[in-house]
Amino acid sequence: VTVDDPPEGCVSFSEVETADEDAVPEVSIDPDDAVAMPFSSGTTGLPKGVVLTHPKSWYRALPQQVDGENPNLYLRPGEDVMLCVLPMFHIFLSELRAAVRDEG
């Protein structure tokens, strides 16, 4: 899934966002299934893939979902910049997820 012009074989985020939910096939997901495999930069050794399971992925996002959320983590209408507290080469999925969850 891409947010700009998708290359051949990829889907744009706007296409996913406007898709009919009934057209999406139902799948069985085990909590131990991998949801993502970001790669480390190898700062403490060789670069390696890090498997994130579904619970691990969402537990990382929990601090952003509690009362008193930081409004600076979300995109607002008319804005095209969001605060990302991690360097872009780091695993920044939870920061990006916060903006997408709030505004799409």
C-alpha atoms as a PDB file:
ATOM      1  CA  VAL A   1       0.000   0.000   0.000  1.00  0.00           C
ATOM      2  CA  THR A   2       1.378   3.400  -0.947  1.00  0.00           C
ATOM      3  CA  VAL A   3       0.244   6.954  -0.232  1.00  0.00           C
ATOM      4  CA  ASP A   4       1.465   8.493  -3.493  1.00  0.00           C
ATOM      5  CA  ASP A   5       1.319   7.174  -7.053  1.00  0.00           C
ATOM      6  CA  PRO A   6       1.432   3.396  -6.641  1.00  0.00           C
ATOM      7  CA  PRO A   7       3.821   1.411  -8.816  1.00  0.00           C
ATOM      8  CA  GLU A   8       2.432  -1.499 -10.801  1.00  0.00           C
ATOM      9  CA  GLY A   9       1.098  -4.228  -8.523  1.00  0.00           C
ATOM     10  CA  CYS A  10       0.593  -1.903  -5.531  1.00  0.00           C
ATOM     11  CA  VAL A  11      -2.543  -0.279  -4.155  1.00  0.00           C
ATOM     12  CA  SER A  12      -2.936   3.371  -3.173  1.00  0.00           C
ATOM     13  CA  PHE A  13      -4.090   4.161   0.357  1.00  0.00           C
ATOM     14  CA  SER A  14      -7.076   6.107  -1.002  1.00  0.00           C
ATOM     15  CA  GLU A  15      -8.213   2.947  -2.829  1.00  0.00           C
ATOM     16  CA  VAL A  16      -8.031   0.969   0.414  1.00  0.00           C
ATOM     17  CA  GLU A  17      -9.802   3.747   2.306  1.00  0.00           C
ATOM     18  CA  THR A  18     -12.761   3.827  -0.102  1.00  0.00           C
ATOM     19  CA  ALA A  19     -13.009   0.064  -0.675  1.00  0.00           C
ATOM     20  CA  ASP A  20     -16.265  -1.727   0.113  1.00  0.00           C
ATOM     21  CA  GLU A  21     -15.681  -3.630   3.363  1.00  0.00           C
ATOM     22  CA  ASP A  22     -18.028  -6.386   2.201  1.00  0.00           C
ATOM     23  CA  ALA A  23     -15.746  -7.056  -0.786  1.00  0.00           C
ATOM     24  CA  VAL A  24     -12.738  -7.785   1.432  1.00  0.00           C
ATOM     25  CA  PRO A  25     -12.330 -11.513   2.069  1.00  0.00           C
ATOM     26  CA  GLU A  26     -12.480 -12.602   5.689  1.00  0.00           C
ATOM     27  CA  VAL A  27      -9.245 -14.127   6.956  1.00  0.00           C
ATOM     28  CA  SER A  28      -8.316 -15.927  10.133  1.00  0.00           C
ATOM     29  CA  ILE A  29      -5.529 -14.197  12.053  1.00  0.00           C
ATOM     30  CA  ASP A  30      -3.637 -15.897  14.845  1.00  0.00           C
ATOM     31  CA  PRO A  31      -2.209 -13.478  17.440  1.00  0.00           C
ATOM     32  CA  ASP A  32       1.222 -15.031  16.860  1.00  0.00           C
ATOM     33  CA  ASP A  33       1.112 -14.272  13.110  1.00  0.00           C
ATOM     34  CA  ALA A  34       3.577 -11.660  11.907  1.00  0.00           C
ATOM     35  CA  VAL A  35       2.028  -8.278  11.123  1.00  0.00           C
ATOM     36  CA  ALA A  36       5.279  -6.627  10.010  1.00  0.00           C
ATOM     37  CA  MET A  37       8.982  -7.305   9.690  1.00  0.00           C
ATOM     38  CA  PRO A  38      10.908  -4.037   9.912  1.00  0.00           C
ATOM     39  CA  PHE A  39      14.660  -4.271   9.504  1.00  0.00           C
ATOM     40  CA  SER A  40      17.063  -2.826  12.049  1.00  0.00           C
ATOM     41  CA  SER A  41      19.978  -0.718  10.932  1.00  0.00           C
ATOM     42  CA  GLY A  42      22.403  -3.001  12.707  1.00  0.00           C
ATOM     43  CA  THR A  43      23.552  -0.450  15.298  1.00  0.00           C
ATOM     44  CA  THR A  44      24.434  -3.251  17.753  1.00  0.00           C
ATOM     45  CA  GLY A  45      25.410  -5.848  15.154  1.00  0.00           C
ATOM     46  CA  LEU A  46      24.456  -6.898  11.665  1.00  0.00           C
ATOM     47  CA  PRO A  47      21.177  -5.597  10.181  1.00  0.00           C
ATOM     48  CA  LYS A  48      18.330  -8.005  10.849  1.00  0.00           C
ATOM     49  CA  GLY A  49      14.588  -8.400  10.454  1.00  0.00           C
ATOM     50  CA  VAL A  50      12.490  -7.978  13.591  1.00  0.00           C
ATOM     51  CA  VAL A  51       9.178  -9.869  13.561  1.00  0.00           C
ATOM     52  CA  LEU A  52       6.280  -7.950  15.113  1.00  0.00           C
ATOM     53  CA  THR A  53       3.213  -9.977  16.028  1.00  0.00           C
ATOM     54  CA  HIS A  54      -0.270  -8.474  16.181  1.00  0.00           C
ATOM     55  CA  PRO A  55      -0.288  -7.966  19.987  1.00  0.00           C
ATOM     56  CA  LYS A  56       3.222  -6.460  19.973  1.00  0.00           C
ATOM     57  CA  SER A  57       2.232  -4.041  17.224  1.00  0.00           C
ATOM     58  CA  TRP A  58      -0.867  -2.809  19.026  1.00  0.00           C
ATOM     59  CA  TYR A  59       0.736  -2.704  22.486  1.00  0.00           C
ATOM     60  CA  ARG A  60       3.235  -0.225  21.020  1.00  0.00           C
ATOM     61  CA  ALA A  61       0.304   1.985  19.981  1.00  0.00           C
ATOM     62  CA  LEU A  62      -1.520   1.841  23.343  1.00  0.00           C
ATOM     63  CA  PRO A  63       0.198   4.902  24.855  1.00  0.00           C
ATOM     64  CA  GLN A  64      -1.306   6.988  22.041  1.00  0.00           C
ATOM     65  CA  GLN A  65      -4.832   5.682  22.684  1.00  0.00           C
ATOM     66  CA  VAL A  66      -5.224   6.604  26.360  1.00  0.00           C
ATOM     67  CA  ASP A  67      -6.997   9.655  27.790  1.00  0.00           C
ATOM     68  CA  GLY A  68      -4.974  12.808  27.379  1.00  0.00           C
ATOM     69  CA  GLU A  69      -3.677  11.937  23.921  1.00  0.00           C
ATOM     70  CA  ASN A  70      -1.083  14.319  22.544  1.00  0.00           C
ATOM     71  CA  PRO A  71      -2.897  16.406  19.873  1.00  0.00           C
ATOM     72  CA  ASN A  72       0.449  17.069  18.160  1.00  0.00           C
ATOM     73  CA  LEU A  73       0.552  13.445  16.974  1.00  0.00           C
ATOM     74  CA  TYR A  74      -2.393  13.902  14.598  1.00  0.00           C
ATOM     75  CA  LEU A  75      -2.924  15.538  11.243  1.00  0.00           C
ATOM     76  CA  ARG A  76      -5.564  18.260  11.173  1.00  0.00           C
ATOM     77  CA  PRO A  77      -7.604  19.416   8.170  1.00  0.00           C
ATOM     78  CA  GLY A  78      -5.414  21.594   5.975  1.00  0.00           C
ATOM     79  CA  GLU A  79      -2.153  20.311   7.464  1.00  0.00           C
ATOM     80  CA  ASP A  80       0.263  18.023   5.701  1.00  0.00           C
ATOM     81  CA  VAL A  81       2.900  17.632   8.414  1.00  0.00           C
ATOM     82  CA  MET A  82       2.800  15.585  11.599  1.00  0.00           C
ATOM     83  CA  LEU A  83       5.166  15.253  14.529  1.00  0.00           C
ATOM     84  CA  CYS A  84       7.145  12.029  14.374  1.00  0.00           C
ATOM     85  CA  VAL A  85       9.235  11.500  17.491  1.00  0.00           C
ATOM     86  CA  LEU A  86      11.465   8.837  15.941  1.00  0.00           C
ATOM     87  CA  PRO A  87      13.936   9.155  13.105  1.00  0.00           C
ATOM     88  CA  MET A  88      12.378   8.036   9.825  1.00  0.00           C
ATOM     89  CA  PHE A  89      14.789   5.107   9.499  1.00  0.00           C
ATOM     90  CA  HIS A  90      13.545   3.765  12.849  1.00  0.00           C
ATOM     91  CA  ILE A  91      10.362   1.743  13.326  1.00  0.00           C
ATOM     92  CA  PHE A  92       7.858   4.588  13.139  1.00  0.00           C
ATOM     93  CA  LEU A  93       4.733   2.548  12.422  1.00  0.00           C
ATOM     94  CA  SER A  94       2.898   3.571  15.598  1.00  0.00           C
ATOM     95  CA  GLU A  95       3.455   7.293  14.911  1.00  0.00           C
ATOM     96  CA  LEU A  96       2.190   6.937  11.344  1.00  0.00           C
ATOM     97  CA  ARG A  97      -0.719   4.773  12.517  1.00  0.00           C
ATOM     98  CA  ALA A  98      -1.868   7.541  14.877  1.00  0.00           C
ATOM     99  CA  ALA A  99      -2.202  10.040  12.031  1.00  0.00           C
ATOM    100  CA  VAL A 100      -3.874   7.572   9.682  1.00  0.00           C
ATOM    101  CA  ARG A 101      -6.277   6.398  12.396  1.00  0.00           C
ATOM    102  CA  ASP A 102      -7.303   9.950  13.209  1.00  0.00           C
ATOM    103  CA  GLU A 103      -7.626  11.530   9.770  1.00  0.00           C
ATOM    104  CA  GLY A 104      -7.040   8.792   7.176  1.00  0.00           C
END
